Amino acid sequence: MDGIDAYLDRLASADSTPGGGSAATLVGALGAALCGMVARITAASERHSAVRGDAQALAEEADALRARFGAARPLDEAAYGRVVEAGALPKRTDAEKHERTAALQRALAGAAEAPLAVSGMCAEGIALAERANALGNPHLGSDVECALHFFRAALAASVANVRINHRYIRDEHTVRAQDERLIAIVNAAHETLDPLLPKLP
């Protein structure tokens, strides 16, 4: 996977990928990395020796989540790439138009599924940040808050990318099923996030 500067150069280019969905995975990974940092600093602190085991476990979970965000980035880019490829199919004859439409609909469903999966990771990240805060290290409260803001931003971006694809999907069952999952994820995330943020510095 390319380094951060190379990735940002690609993101800023005139190419259609990577785009917002891909960028959301990077933002989510930043939140997970901060959770890992909070956990490791706390685990190394004698003052917080009572929660060392919890902190070490949290660090491992944060690393795993960060890796999943990283793996999701090329998946999102590939999913949108299939939309672009389907849109470029020939449409001279009725048969070609039919095949193009079918391919485009399949690709759009996949392009919505990718950020939907990322939104679930963001909800997991918010729960992880709540646990990082519960470790009780007062010197790292702003880092936990930053992690929460990163996860919230990545979640909002992922929701936007699901919804934009839904505008063009004709299968109402697909849209409804994905939207129900999305709403459940967002509601669960905000149940944790909304009461937690005001408590942080």
N, C-alpha and C. Protein backbone atom coordinates (compact mmCIF):
# COMPACT_ATOMS: atom_id res chain seq x y z
N MET A 1 0.85 -1.19 0.00
CA MET A 1 0.00 0.00 0.00
C MET A 1 0.89 1.24 0.00
N ASP A 2 0.46 2.29 -0.74
CA ASP A 2 1.31 3.46 -0.87
C ASP A 2 1.37 4.24 0.44
N GLY A 3 2.44 5.04 0.58
CA GLY A 3 2.59 5.88 1.76
C GLY A 3 1.60 7.02 1.75
N ILE A 4 1.52 7.73 2.87
CA ILE A 4 0.50 8.76 3.02
C ILE A 4 0.65 9.87 2.00
N ASP A 5 1.88 10.32 1.73
CA ASP A 5 2.06 11.41 0.78
C ASP A 5 1.68 10.97 -0.63
N ALA A 6 2.08 9.76 -1.01
CA ALA A 6 1.73 9.25 -2.33
C ALA A 6 0.22 9.09 -2.46
N TYR A 7 -0.41 8.62 -1.39
CA TYR A 7 -1.87 8.46 -1.41
C TYR A 7 -2.55 9.81 -1.57
N LEU A 8 -2.10 10.82 -0.84
CA LEU A 8 -2.71 12.14 -0.94
C LEU A 8 -2.52 12.73 -2.33
N ASP A 9 -1.38 12.45 -2.95
CA ASP A 9 -1.18 12.89 -4.33
C ASP A 9 -2.21 12.24 -5.25
N ARG A 10 -2.44 10.95 -5.06
CA ARG A 10 -3.45 10.26 -5.88
C ARG A 10 -4.84 10.81 -5.60
N LEU A 11 -5.12 11.10 -4.33
CA LEU A 11 -6.44 11.62 -3.96
C LEU A 11 -6.68 12.99 -4.59
N ALA A 12 -5.63 13.78 -4.71
CA ALA A 12 -5.74 15.13 -5.27
C ALA A 12 -5.71 15.16 -6.79
N SER A 13 -5.48 14.02 -7.42
CA SER A 13 -5.33 13.98 -8.88
C SER A 13 -6.69 14.08 -9.57
N ALA A 14 -6.64 14.12 -10.89
CA ALA A 14 -7.86 14.20 -11.69
C ALA A 14 -8.53 12.85 -11.88
N ASP A 15 -7.95 11.79 -11.35
CA ASP A 15 -8.56 10.46 -11.45
C ASP A 15 -9.77 10.38 -10.53
N SER A 16 -10.75 9.56 -10.92
CA SER A 16 -11.97 9.43 -10.12
C SER A 16 -11.78 8.57 -8.89
N THR A 17 -10.72 7.77 -8.88
CA THR A 17 -10.37 7.00 -7.69
C THR A 17 -8.90 7.26 -7.35
N PRO A 18 -8.58 7.37 -6.07
CA PRO A 18 -9.47 7.25 -4.91
C PRO A 18 -10.35 8.47 -4.74
N GLY A 19 -11.45 8.29 -4.01
CA GLY A 19 -12.36 9.38 -3.74
C GLY A 19 -12.73 9.44 -2.27
N GLY A 20 -13.91 9.97 -2.00
CA GLY A 20 -14.32 10.19 -0.63
C GLY A 20 -14.46 8.93 0.20
N GLY A 21 -14.96 7.86 -0.41
CA GLY A 21 -15.11 6.62 0.33
C GLY A 21 -13.77 6.05 0.75
N SER A 22 -12.81 6.12 -0.15
CA SER A 22 -11.46 5.67 0.17
C SER A 22 -10.85 6.53 1.26
N ALA A 23 -11.02 7.85 1.14
CA ALA A 23 -10.47 8.77 2.14
C ALA A 23 -11.06 8.50 3.52
N ALA A 24 -12.33 8.12 3.56
CA ALA A 24 -12.97 7.83 4.85
C ALA A 24 -12.27 6.69 5.58
N THR A 25 -11.77 5.72 4.83
CA THR A 25 -11.07 4.61 5.50
C THR A 25 -9.77 5.09 6.15
N LEU A 26 -9.12 6.06 5.52
CA LEU A 26 -7.90 6.62 6.10
C LEU A 26 -8.22 7.37 7.39
N VAL A 27 -9.30 8.14 7.37
CA VAL A 27 -9.71 8.89 8.56
C VAL A 27 -10.05 7.92 9.70
N GLY A 28 -10.76 6.85 9.37
CA GLY A 28 -11.08 5.84 10.38
C GLY A 28 -9.83 5.19 10.93
N ALA A 29 -8.87 4.92 10.06
CA ALA A 29 -7.61 4.31 10.51
C ALA A 29 -6.86 5.23 11.47
N LEU A 30 -6.96 6.54 11.25
CA LEU A 30 -6.33 7.49 12.17
C LEU A 30 -6.96 7.39 13.55
N GLY A 31 -8.28 7.26 13.59
CA GLY A 31 -8.95 7.09 14.87
C GLY A 31 -8.50 5.83 15.59
N ALA A 32 -8.39 4.74 14.84
CA ALA A 32 -7.94 3.48 15.44
C ALA A 32 -6.51 3.58 15.93
N ALA A 33 -5.66 4.27 15.17
CA ALA A 33 -4.26 4.43 15.58
C ALA A 33 -4.17 5.22 16.88
N LEU A 34 -5.00 6.24 17.02
CA LEU A 34 -5.00 7.02 18.26
C LEU A 34 -5.46 6.18 19.45
N CYS A 35 -6.46 5.33 19.23
CA CYS A 35 -6.89 4.43 20.30
C CYS A 35 -5.75 3.51 20.72
N GLY A 36 -5.00 3.03 19.75
CA GLY A 36 -3.85 2.19 20.06
C GLY A 36 -2.80 2.93 20.86
N MET A 37 -2.57 4.20 20.49
CA MET A 37 -1.60 5.01 21.22
C MET A 37 -2.04 5.21 22.67
N VAL A 38 -3.31 5.59 22.86
CA VAL A 38 -3.83 5.79 24.21
C VAL A 38 -3.67 4.52 25.04
N ALA A 39 -4.01 3.40 24.43
CA ALA A 39 -3.92 2.13 25.16
C ALA A 39 -2.49 1.79 25.54
N ARG A 40 -1.55 2.01 24.63
CA ARG A 40 -0.15 1.63 24.90
C ARG A 40 0.49 2.54 25.95
N ILE A 41 0.22 3.83 25.86
CA ILE A 41 0.77 4.74 26.86
C ILE A 41 0.21 4.41 28.24
N THR A 42 -1.07 4.11 28.29
CA THR A 42 -1.70 3.76 29.56
C THR A 42 -1.14 2.45 30.10
N ALA A 43 -0.94 1.48 29.22
CA ALA A 43 -0.41 0.18 29.65
C ALA A 43 0.99 0.31 30.24
N ALA A 44 1.75 1.28 29.75
CA ALA A 44 3.12 1.47 30.21
C ALA A 44 3.21 2.29 31.49
N SER A 45 2.09 2.84 31.93
CA SER A 45 2.08 3.72 33.09
C SER A 45 1.89 2.93 34.38
N GLU A 46 2.80 3.13 35.33
CA GLU A 46 2.66 2.47 36.63
C GLU A 46 1.41 2.96 37.36
N ARG A 47 1.06 4.20 37.13
CA ARG A 47 -0.12 4.76 37.78
C ARG A 47 -1.39 4.04 37.37
N HIS A 48 -1.36 3.45 36.17
CA HIS A 48 -2.55 2.77 35.64
C HIS A 48 -2.34 1.26 35.54
N SER A 49 -1.52 0.73 36.43
CA SER A 49 -1.21 -0.71 36.38
C SER A 49 -2.45 -1.58 36.56
N ALA A 50 -3.46 -1.06 37.23
CA ALA A 50 -4.67 -1.85 37.48
C ALA A 50 -5.43 -2.15 36.18
N VAL A 51 -5.23 -1.31 35.16
CA VAL A 51 -5.95 -1.52 33.89
C VAL A 51 -5.00 -1.95 32.78
N ARG A 52 -3.78 -2.37 33.16
CA ARG A 52 -2.77 -2.72 32.15
C ARG A 52 -3.27 -3.81 31.21
N GLY A 53 -3.87 -4.85 31.76
CA GLY A 53 -4.36 -5.93 30.91
C GLY A 53 -5.42 -5.46 29.93
N ASP A 54 -6.34 -4.62 30.42
CA ASP A 54 -7.38 -4.07 29.54
C ASP A 54 -6.75 -3.20 28.46
N ALA A 55 -5.76 -2.40 28.85
CA ALA A 55 -5.11 -1.51 27.89
C ALA A 55 -4.37 -2.30 26.81
N GLN A 56 -3.69 -3.36 27.21
CA GLN A 56 -2.96 -4.17 26.24
C GLN A 56 -3.92 -4.85 25.26
N ALA A 57 -5.03 -5.34 25.78
CA ALA A 57 -6.03 -5.97 24.90
C ALA A 57 -6.62 -4.94 23.95
N LEU A 58 -6.86 -3.74 24.46
CA LEU A 58 -7.42 -2.68 23.63
C LEU A 58 -6.45 -2.29 22.52
N ALA A 59 -5.16 -2.24 22.84
CA ALA A 59 -4.17 -1.91 21.82
C ALA A 59 -4.19 -2.91 20.68
N GLU A 60 -4.32 -4.19 21.01
CA GLU A 60 -4.37 -5.22 19.97
C GLU A 60 -5.63 -5.08 19.12
N GLU A 61 -6.75 -4.79 19.76
CA GLU A 61 -8.00 -4.62 19.01
C GLU A 61 -7.92 -3.39 18.11
N ALA A 62 -7.30 -2.33 18.62
CA ALA A 62 -7.15 -1.12 17.81
C ALA A 62 -6.28 -1.38 16.59
N ASP A 63 -5.22 -2.16 16.77
CA ASP A 63 -4.36 -2.52 15.63
C ASP A 63 -5.14 -3.31 14.59
N ALA A 64 -5.96 -4.25 15.06
CA ALA A 64 -6.74 -5.08 14.14
C ALA A 64 -7.75 -4.23 13.37
N LEU A 65 -8.38 -3.27 14.06
CA LEU A 65 -9.33 -2.40 13.38
C LEU A 65 -8.62 -1.51 12.38
N ARG A 66 -7.47 -1.00 12.76
CA ARG A 66 -6.70 -0.16 11.82
C ARG A 66 -6.34 -0.94 10.56
N ALA A 67 -5.97 -2.21 10.73
CA ALA A 67 -5.65 -3.05 9.57
C ALA A 67 -6.88 -3.26 8.69
N ARG A 68 -8.04 -3.40 9.30
CA ARG A 68 -9.27 -3.59 8.52
C ARG A 68 -9.61 -2.32 7.74
N PHE A 69 -9.41 -1.16 8.35
CA PHE A 69 -9.62 0.09 7.60
C PHE A 69 -8.66 0.14 6.41
N GLY A 70 -7.41 -0.25 6.64
CA GLY A 70 -6.44 -0.24 5.56
C GLY A 70 -6.82 -1.18 4.43
N ALA A 71 -7.33 -2.36 4.78
CA ALA A 71 -7.75 -3.32 3.77
C ALA A 71 -8.99 -2.85 3.03
N ALA A 72 -9.82 -2.05 3.69
CA ALA A 72 -11.06 -1.57 3.07
C ALA A 72 -10.80 -0.49 2.02
N ARG A 73 -9.67 0.18 2.13
CA ARG A 73 -9.40 1.28 1.21
C ARG A 73 -9.34 0.82 -0.25
N PRO A 74 -8.50 -0.16 -0.61
CA PRO A 74 -8.49 -0.61 -2.01
C PRO A 74 -9.80 -1.27 -2.42
N LEU A 75 -10.52 -1.87 -1.49
CA LEU A 75 -11.81 -2.47 -1.82
C LEU A 75 -12.80 -1.40 -2.26
N ASP A 76 -12.80 -0.27 -1.56
CA ASP A 76 -13.68 0.83 -1.94
C ASP A 76 -13.31 1.37 -3.32
N GLU A 77 -12.02 1.54 -3.54
CA GLU A 77 -11.57 2.05 -4.83
C GLU A 77 -11.95 1.10 -5.96
N ALA A 78 -11.80 -0.20 -5.72
CA ALA A 78 -12.14 -1.19 -6.75
C ALA A 78 -13.64 -1.20 -7.01
N ALA A 79 -14.43 -1.04 -5.95
CA ALA A 79 -15.89 -1.05 -6.11
C ALA A 79 -16.34 0.11 -6.98
N TYR A 80 -15.79 1.30 -6.75
CA TYR A 80 -16.17 2.43 -7.58
C TYR A 80 -15.60 2.28 -8.99
N GLY A 81 -14.43 1.68 -9.09
CA GLY A 81 -13.86 1.44 -10.42
C GLY A 81 -14.77 0.58 -11.28
N ARG A 82 -15.47 -0.37 -10.65
CA ARG A 82 -16.41 -1.21 -11.41
C ARG A 82 -17.61 -0.40 -11.90
N VAL A 83 -18.00 0.61 -11.15
CA VAL A 83 -19.08 1.50 -11.62
C VAL A 83 -18.62 2.25 -12.86
N VAL A 84 -17.42 2.77 -12.82
CA VAL A 84 -16.87 3.50 -13.96
C VAL A 84 -16.76 2.59 -15.17
N GLU A 85 -16.28 1.37 -14.96
CA GLU A 85 -16.15 0.41 -16.06
C GLU A 85 -17.51 0.07 -16.66
N ALA A 86 -18.50 -0.13 -15.80
CA ALA A 86 -19.84 -0.46 -16.30
C ALA A 86 -20.43 0.70 -17.08
N GLY A 87 -20.21 1.91 -16.61
CA GLY A 87 -20.72 3.08 -17.31
C GLY A 87 -20.09 3.27 -18.68
N ALA A 88 -18.90 2.72 -18.87
CA ALA A 88 -18.19 2.87 -20.15
C ALA A 88 -18.53 1.77 -21.15
N LEU A 89 -19.37 0.81 -20.76
CA LEU A 89 -19.74 -0.27 -21.68
C LEU A 89 -20.53 0.29 -22.86
N PRO A 90 -20.44 -0.36 -24.02
CA PRO A 90 -21.15 0.14 -25.20
C PRO A 90 -22.66 0.08 -25.01
N LYS A 91 -23.37 0.97 -25.69
CA LYS A 91 -24.83 1.03 -25.58
C LYS A 91 -25.46 1.37 -26.94
N ARG A 92 -24.89 0.73 -27.97
CA ARG A 92 -25.39 1.00 -29.32
C ARG A 92 -26.67 0.22 -29.61
N THR A 93 -26.71 -1.03 -29.20
CA THR A 93 -27.88 -1.88 -29.47
C THR A 93 -28.69 -2.07 -28.19
N ASP A 94 -29.91 -2.60 -28.37
CA ASP A 94 -30.75 -2.87 -27.20
C ASP A 94 -30.09 -3.89 -26.27
N ALA A 95 -29.45 -4.89 -26.87
CA ALA A 95 -28.77 -5.91 -26.06
C ALA A 95 -27.63 -5.30 -25.26
N GLU A 96 -26.87 -4.43 -25.90
CA GLU A 96 -25.77 -3.76 -25.20
C GLU A 96 -26.29 -2.86 -24.10
N LYS A 97 -27.39 -2.17 -24.37
CA LYS A 97 -27.97 -1.30 -23.35
C LYS A 97 -28.44 -2.11 -22.14
N HIS A 98 -29.04 -3.27 -22.43
CA HIS A 98 -29.52 -4.12 -21.34
C HIS A 98 -28.35 -4.62 -20.49
N GLU A 99 -27.29 -5.07 -21.15
CA GLU A 99 -26.13 -5.58 -20.43
C GLU A 99 -25.45 -4.46 -19.64
N ARG A 100 -25.37 -3.29 -20.24
CA ARG A 100 -24.75 -2.15 -19.54
C ARG A 100 -25.55 -1.79 -18.30
N THR A 101 -26.86 -1.74 -18.43
CA THR A 101 -27.71 -1.40 -17.28
C THR A 101 -27.56 -2.42 -16.16
N ALA A 102 -27.56 -3.70 -16.53
CA ALA A 102 -27.43 -4.76 -15.53
C ALA A 102 -26.07 -4.68 -14.83
N ALA A 103 -25.02 -4.45 -15.61
CA ALA A 103 -23.68 -4.35 -15.03
C ALA A 103 -23.57 -3.14 -14.12
N LEU A 104 -24.18 -2.04 -14.54
CA LEU A 104 -24.13 -0.82 -13.74
C LEU A 104 -24.88 -0.98 -12.42
N GLN A 105 -26.01 -1.66 -12.46
CA GLN A 105 -26.78 -1.88 -11.24
C GLN A 105 -26.02 -2.78 -10.26
N ARG A 106 -25.38 -3.81 -10.80
CA ARG A 106 -24.57 -4.68 -9.94
C ARG A 106 -23.43 -3.89 -9.31
N ALA A 107 -22.79 -3.07 -10.11
CA ALA A 107 -21.65 -2.30 -9.63
C ALA A 107 -22.08 -1.27 -8.59
N LEU A 108 -23.23 -0.65 -8.80
CA LEU A 108 -23.72 0.34 -7.84
C LEU A 108 -24.03 -0.29 -6.49
N ALA A 109 -24.61 -1.49 -6.52
CA ALA A 109 -24.90 -2.19 -5.27
C ALA A 109 -23.60 -2.49 -4.52
N GLY A 110 -22.57 -2.90 -5.27
CA GLY A 110 -21.28 -3.15 -4.65
C GLY A 110 -20.62 -1.88 -4.15
N ALA A 111 -20.81 -0.79 -4.90
CA ALA A 111 -20.23 0.49 -4.49
C ALA A 111 -20.90 1.03 -3.24
N ALA A 112 -22.15 0.66 -3.00
CA ALA A 112 -22.82 1.04 -1.75
C ALA A 112 -22.41 0.12 -0.61
N GLU A 113 -22.17 -1.14 -0.92
CA GLU A 113 -21.81 -2.12 0.11
C GLU A 113 -20.45 -1.80 0.74
N ALA A 114 -19.53 -1.28 -0.06
CA ALA A 114 -18.18 -1.00 0.46
C ALA A 114 -18.21 0.04 1.59
N PRO A 115 -18.81 1.22 1.39
CA PRO A 115 -18.87 2.18 2.50
C PRO A 115 -19.81 1.75 3.61
N LEU A 116 -20.78 0.90 3.30
CA LEU A 116 -21.63 0.35 4.36
C LEU A 116 -20.80 -0.47 5.33
N ALA A 117 -19.90 -1.27 4.79
CA ALA A 117 -19.00 -2.05 5.65
C ALA A 117 -18.10 -1.14 6.47
N VAL A 118 -17.62 -0.07 5.86
CA VAL A 118 -16.76 0.87 6.58
C VAL A 118 -17.53 1.57 7.69
N SER A 119 -18.80 1.88 7.45
CA SER A 119 -19.60 2.52 8.50
C SER A 119 -19.68 1.62 9.73
N GLY A 120 -19.77 0.32 9.52
CA GLY A 120 -19.77 -0.60 10.65
C GLY A 120 -18.46 -0.56 11.41
N MET A 121 -17.35 -0.44 10.68
CA MET A 121 -16.04 -0.33 11.34
C MET A 121 -15.97 0.96 12.16
N CYS A 122 -16.56 2.03 11.64
CA CYS A 122 -16.56 3.30 12.38
C CYS A 122 -17.32 3.16 13.69
N ALA A 123 -18.44 2.46 13.66
CA ALA A 123 -19.20 2.23 14.89
C ALA A 123 -18.37 1.42 15.88
N GLU A 124 -17.65 0.43 15.37
CA GLU A 124 -16.75 -0.34 16.24
C GLU A 124 -15.67 0.56 16.83
N GLY A 125 -15.18 1.48 16.01
CA GLY A 125 -14.15 2.40 16.48
C GLY A 125 -14.65 3.31 17.59
N ILE A 126 -15.88 3.78 17.46
CA ILE A 126 -16.46 4.63 18.49
C ILE A 126 -16.56 3.86 19.81
N ALA A 127 -16.98 2.61 19.73
CA ALA A 127 -17.04 1.77 20.94
C ALA A 127 -15.64 1.55 21.51
N LEU A 128 -14.66 1.42 20.64
CA LEU A 128 -13.28 1.24 21.08
C LEU A 128 -12.78 2.49 21.80
N ALA A 129 -13.12 3.66 21.24
CA ALA A 129 -12.71 4.91 21.87
C ALA A 129 -13.37 5.09 23.23
N GLU A 130 -14.59 4.63 23.36
CA GLU A 130 -15.26 4.68 24.67
C GLU A 130 -14.47 3.87 25.69
N ARG A 131 -14.00 2.70 25.28
CA ARG A 131 -13.20 1.87 26.18
C ARG A 131 -11.85 2.52 26.48
N ALA A 132 -11.28 3.18 25.48
CA ALA A 132 -10.01 3.89 25.70
C ALA A 132 -10.20 4.98 26.74
N ASN A 133 -11.31 5.68 26.66
CA ASN A 133 -11.60 6.72 27.64
C ASN A 133 -11.78 6.13 29.04
N ALA A 134 -12.40 4.95 29.10
CA ALA A 134 -12.66 4.31 30.39
C ALA A 134 -11.38 3.83 31.07
N LEU A 135 -10.27 3.78 30.34
CA LEU A 135 -9.00 3.41 30.97
C LEU A 135 -8.60 4.45 32.01
N GLY A 136 -9.11 5.66 31.85
CA GLY A 136 -8.96 6.66 32.90
C GLY A 136 -7.66 7.43 32.92
N ASN A 137 -7.00 7.56 31.77
CA ASN A 137 -5.77 8.35 31.72
C ASN A 137 -6.13 9.80 31.37
N PRO A 138 -6.10 10.71 32.35
CA PRO A 138 -6.58 12.08 32.11
C PRO A 138 -5.71 12.86 31.14
N HIS A 139 -4.47 12.46 30.97
CA HIS A 139 -3.56 13.18 30.08
C HIS A 139 -3.84 12.90 28.60
N LEU A 140 -4.68 11.90 28.33
CA LEU A 140 -4.93 11.49 26.95
C LEU A 140 -6.37 11.73 26.52
N GLY A 141 -7.09 12.53 27.31
CA GLY A 141 -8.49 12.78 26.99
C GLY A 141 -8.69 13.43 25.64
N SER A 142 -7.80 14.37 25.28
CA SER A 142 -7.95 15.03 23.98
C SER A 142 -7.66 14.08 22.83
N ASP A 143 -6.78 13.11 23.05
CA ASP A 143 -6.49 12.12 22.01
C ASP A 143 -7.70 11.20 21.79
N VAL A 144 -8.35 10.82 22.88
CA VAL A 144 -9.58 10.03 22.76
C VAL A 144 -10.64 10.84 22.01
N GLU A 145 -10.75 12.12 22.35
CA GLU A 145 -11.74 12.97 21.68
C GLU A 145 -11.42 13.08 20.19
N CYS A 146 -10.15 13.25 19.86
CA CYS A 146 -9.77 13.31 18.44
C CYS A 146 -10.15 12.01 17.73
N ALA A 147 -9.90 10.88 18.38
CA ALA A 147 -10.27 9.59 17.79
C ALA A 147 -11.76 9.53 17.52
N LEU A 148 -12.55 9.99 18.48
CA LEU A 148 -14.01 9.98 18.30
C LEU A 148 -14.42 10.87 17.13
N HIS A 149 -13.81 12.04 17.02
CA HIS A 149 -14.14 12.94 15.91
C HIS A 149 -13.75 12.32 14.56
N PHE A 150 -12.61 11.64 14.53
CA PHE A 150 -12.20 10.97 13.30
C PHE A 150 -13.22 9.88 12.92
N PHE A 151 -13.61 9.07 13.90
CA PHE A 151 -14.58 8.02 13.62
C PHE A 151 -15.92 8.61 13.18
N ARG A 152 -16.33 9.68 13.83
CA ARG A 152 -17.60 10.31 13.47
C ARG A 152 -17.54 10.87 12.05
N ALA A 153 -16.43 11.51 11.70
CA ALA A 153 -16.29 12.04 10.34
C ALA A 153 -16.27 10.92 9.31
N ALA A 154 -15.55 9.84 9.61
CA ALA A 154 -15.49 8.71 8.68
C ALA A 154 -16.86 8.07 8.53
N LEU A 155 -17.62 8.01 9.63
CA LEU A 155 -18.97 7.46 9.57
C LEU A 155 -19.86 8.33 8.70
N ALA A 156 -19.82 9.64 8.90
CA ALA A 156 -20.65 10.54 8.10
C ALA A 156 -20.29 10.45 6.61
N ALA A 157 -19.00 10.36 6.32
CA ALA A 157 -18.57 10.23 4.92
C ALA A 157 -19.04 8.92 4.32
N SER A 158 -18.98 7.85 5.10
CA SER A 158 -19.42 6.54 4.60
C SER A 158 -20.92 6.54 4.34
N VAL A 159 -21.68 7.15 5.25
CA VAL A 159 -23.13 7.25 5.05
C VAL A 159 -23.42 8.00 3.75
N ALA A 160 -22.72 9.10 3.52
CA ALA A 160 -22.93 9.88 2.30
C ALA A 160 -22.66 9.05 1.06
N ASN A 161 -21.64 8.21 1.11
CA ASN A 161 -21.29 7.39 -0.05
C ASN A 161 -22.28 6.25 -0.28
N VAL A 162 -22.83 5.71 0.79
CA VAL A 162 -23.90 4.72 0.61
C VAL A 162 -25.10 5.38 -0.06
N ARG A 163 -25.50 6.52 0.47
CA ARG A 163 -26.73 7.18 0.01
C ARG A 163 -26.62 7.68 -1.43
N ILE A 164 -25.44 8.15 -1.84
CA ILE A 164 -25.32 8.64 -3.21
C ILE A 164 -25.48 7.49 -4.20
N ASN A 165 -25.00 6.31 -3.85
CA ASN A 165 -25.19 5.16 -4.73
C ASN A 165 -26.65 4.71 -4.75
N HIS A 166 -27.32 4.84 -3.62
CA HIS A 166 -28.73 4.44 -3.56
C HIS A 166 -29.61 5.27 -4.51
N ARG A 167 -29.19 6.48 -4.81
CA ARG A 167 -29.97 7.31 -5.73
C ARG A 167 -30.12 6.67 -7.11
N TYR A 168 -29.17 5.83 -7.47
CA TYR A 168 -29.13 5.29 -8.82
C TYR A 168 -29.43 3.80 -8.89
N ILE A 169 -29.68 3.17 -7.75
CA ILE A 169 -30.01 1.75 -7.72
C ILE A 169 -31.51 1.58 -7.90
N ARG A 170 -31.91 0.79 -8.86
CA ARG A 170 -33.33 0.63 -9.18
C ARG A 170 -34.01 -0.43 -8.34
N ASP A 171 -33.25 -1.36 -7.81
CA ASP A 171 -33.82 -2.45 -7.01
C ASP A 171 -34.14 -1.93 -5.61
N GLU A 172 -35.42 -1.72 -5.35
CA GLU A 172 -35.84 -1.15 -4.07
C GLU A 172 -35.50 -2.08 -2.90
N HIS A 173 -35.51 -3.40 -3.15
CA HIS A 173 -35.18 -4.34 -2.08
C HIS A 173 -33.73 -4.17 -1.64
N THR A 174 -32.83 -4.01 -2.60
CA THR A 174 -31.42 -3.80 -2.27
C THR A 174 -31.23 -2.53 -1.47
N VAL A 175 -31.87 -1.46 -1.93
CA VAL A 175 -31.75 -0.17 -1.24
C VAL A 175 -32.30 -0.27 0.18
N ARG A 176 -33.48 -0.87 0.30
CA ARG A 176 -34.12 -0.96 1.62
C ARG A 176 -33.28 -1.80 2.58
N ALA A 177 -32.78 -2.94 2.10
CA ALA A 177 -31.99 -3.82 2.96
C ALA A 177 -30.70 -3.14 3.42
N GLN A 178 -30.02 -2.47 2.49
CA GLN A 178 -28.79 -1.78 2.87
C GLN A 178 -29.09 -0.61 3.80
N ASP A 179 -30.18 0.10 3.53
CA ASP A 179 -30.50 1.26 4.35
C ASP A 179 -30.87 0.86 5.78
N GLU A 180 -31.56 -0.25 5.92
CA GLU A 180 -31.90 -0.73 7.27
C GLU A 180 -30.64 -1.05 8.07
N ARG A 181 -29.69 -1.68 7.41
CA ARG A 181 -28.41 -1.97 8.09
C ARG A 181 -27.68 -0.69 8.45
N LEU A 182 -27.71 0.26 7.53
CA LEU A 182 -27.02 1.52 7.76
C LEU A 182 -27.62 2.28 8.94
N ILE A 183 -28.94 2.35 8.97
CA ILE A 183 -29.62 3.07 10.06
C ILE A 183 -29.29 2.43 11.41
N ALA A 184 -29.28 1.11 11.46
CA ALA A 184 -28.95 0.41 12.71
C ALA A 184 -27.53 0.74 13.16
N ILE A 185 -26.60 0.79 12.21
CA ILE A 185 -25.21 1.10 12.53
C ILE A 185 -25.09 2.53 13.07
N VAL A 186 -25.72 3.47 12.37
CA VAL A 186 -25.63 4.88 12.77
C VAL A 186 -26.26 5.09 14.15
N ASN A 187 -27.40 4.48 14.37
CA ASN A 187 -28.07 4.63 15.68
C ASN A 187 -27.20 4.07 16.80
N ALA A 188 -26.62 2.90 16.57
CA ALA A 188 -25.76 2.29 17.60
C ALA A 188 -24.54 3.17 17.87
N ALA A 189 -23.98 3.73 16.81
CA ALA A 189 -22.80 4.59 16.97
C ALA A 189 -23.13 5.82 17.81
N HIS A 190 -24.26 6.44 17.52
CA HIS A 190 -24.61 7.67 18.22
C HIS A 190 -25.08 7.41 19.65
N GLU A 191 -25.57 6.23 19.93
CA GLU A 191 -25.91 5.90 21.31
C GLU A 191 -24.68 5.95 22.21
N THR A 192 -23.54 5.59 21.63
CA THR A 192 -22.28 5.66 22.37
C THR A 192 -21.67 7.05 22.29
N LEU A 193 -21.68 7.62 21.10
CA LEU A 193 -20.96 8.87 20.84
C LEU A 193 -21.59 10.07 21.53
N ASP A 194 -22.88 10.23 21.40
CA ASP A 194 -23.53 11.47 21.84
C ASP A 194 -23.39 11.74 23.34
N PRO A 195 -23.58 10.75 24.21
CA PRO A 195 -23.37 11.04 25.63
C PRO A 195 -21.90 11.13 26.04
N LEU A 196 -21.01 10.58 25.22
CA LEU A 196 -19.60 10.54 25.60
C LEU A 196 -18.87 11.84 25.30
N LEU A 197 -19.14 12.44 24.15
CA LEU A 197 -18.38 13.63 23.75
C LEU A 197 -18.44 14.77 24.76
N PRO A 198 -19.60 15.08 25.34
CA PRO A 198 -19.62 16.20 26.30
C PRO A 198 -18.78 15.96 27.55
N LYS A 199 -18.45 14.72 27.84
CA LYS A 199 -17.67 14.41 29.04
C LYS A 199 -16.17 14.61 28.83
N LEU A 200 -15.77 14.76 27.58
CA LEU A 200 -14.34 14.86 27.27
C LEU A 200 -13.90 16.32 27.29
N PRO A 201 -12.60 16.55 27.50
CA PRO A 201 -12.11 17.94 27.62
C PRO A 201 -12.23 18.70 26.30
